Protein backbone atom coordinates (compact mmCIF):
# COMPACT_ATOMS: atom_id res chain seq x y z
CA UNK A 1 200.25 104.58 163.34
CA UNK A 2 196.68 106.31 164.27
CA UNK A 3 193.82 106.28 161.28
CA UNK A 4 191.32 108.90 160.93
CA UNK A 5 188.12 108.18 158.08
CA UNK A 6 185.74 111.03 157.44
CA UNK A 7 182.71 109.28 157.30
CA UNK A 8 179.15 110.65 157.35
CA UNK A 9 176.31 110.98 159.45
CA UNK A 10 173.45 108.55 158.72
CA UNK A 11 176.00 105.55 158.35
CA UNK A 12 174.54 102.21 159.15
CA UNK A 13 174.99 98.83 158.54
CA UNK A 14 171.53 98.17 158.39
CA UNK A 15 170.25 101.17 156.27
CA UNK A 16 167.71 100.55 153.29
CA UNK A 17 170.30 103.25 151.17
CA UNK A 18 173.50 101.71 149.75
CA UNK A 19 175.77 104.69 150.35
CA UNK A 20 175.08 104.10 154.16
CA UNK A 21 175.99 100.52 154.03
CA UNK A 22 179.31 101.04 152.23
CA UNK A 23 180.37 103.79 154.60
CA UNK A 24 179.32 101.35 157.49
CA UNK A 25 181.43 99.10 156.19
CA UNK A 26 184.24 101.24 155.49
CA UNK A 27 184.38 102.00 159.13
CA UNK A 28 184.03 98.41 160.02
CA UNK A 29 187.18 97.37 157.90
CA UNK A 30 189.47 100.30 159.23
CA UNK A 31 188.94 99.33 162.59
CA UNK A 32 189.68 95.87 161.84
CA UNK A 33 192.99 97.02 159.94
CA UNK A 34 195.20 96.95 163.08
CA UNK A 35 195.69 100.60 163.59
CA UNK A 36 196.89 101.61 167.00
CA UNK A 37 193.85 103.83 167.28
CA UNK A 38 191.44 104.52 164.26
CA UNK A 39 188.58 107.08 164.32
CA UNK A 40 185.69 107.38 162.39
CA UNK A 41 184.47 111.13 162.07
CA UNK A 42 180.81 111.64 161.15
CA UNK A 43 179.94 115.08 160.55
CA UNK A 44 176.60 116.42 160.32
CA UNK A 45 177.34 119.59 159.12
CA UNK A 46 180.13 121.41 157.08
CA UNK A 47 180.10 125.07 156.00
CA UNK A 48 182.48 125.86 153.10
CA UNK A 49 184.85 128.79 153.65
CA UNK A 50 186.75 131.03 151.49
CA UNK A 51 184.04 131.98 148.99
CA UNK A 52 183.17 128.59 147.60
CA UNK A 53 179.83 128.15 146.75
CA UNK A 54 177.25 124.73 146.35
CA UNK A 55 175.94 124.44 142.74
CA UNK A 56 172.65 124.28 143.98
CA UNK A 57 170.30 127.25 144.75
CA UNK A 58 168.57 125.59 147.96
CA UNK A 59 172.06 124.96 149.36
CA UNK A 60 173.47 128.02 148.81
CA UNK A 61 170.09 129.75 150.51
CA UNK A 62 170.57 127.93 153.17
CA UNK A 63 174.22 128.54 154.06
CA UNK A 64 173.27 131.99 154.01
CA UNK A 65 170.47 131.52 156.33
CA UNK A 66 172.77 129.70 158.50
CA UNK A 67 175.76 131.81 158.61
CA UNK A 68 175.22 133.75 161.12
CA UNK A 69 174.54 131.28 163.67
CA UNK A 70 177.63 129.81 162.74
CA UNK A 71 179.52 132.83 163.05
CA UNK A 72 178.10 133.17 167.04
CA UNK A 73 178.83 129.45 167.60
CA UNK A 74 182.02 129.87 166.39
CA UNK A 75 182.76 133.29 168.82
CA UNK A 76 181.20 131.38 171.50
CA UNK A 77 183.24 128.36 171.27
CA UNK A 78 186.21 130.18 170.99
CA UNK A 79 187.30 128.19 167.05
């Protein structure tokens, strides 16, 4: 069996922030469970799709600002 865990950028066992330490501990625990393979994915950016909008105004503004770059990247990468 293969296990995939979506963690997050900034995960670090020695971080001063608790969320980063908890995610790092979880990644370590998943690797030790004995799966054939285990992968931790650390996305640095997730762009919402299908009309989903963030609750914070600055985040909606950021998504609007980056949308042309995301579309260009998708076209260039063939995704």
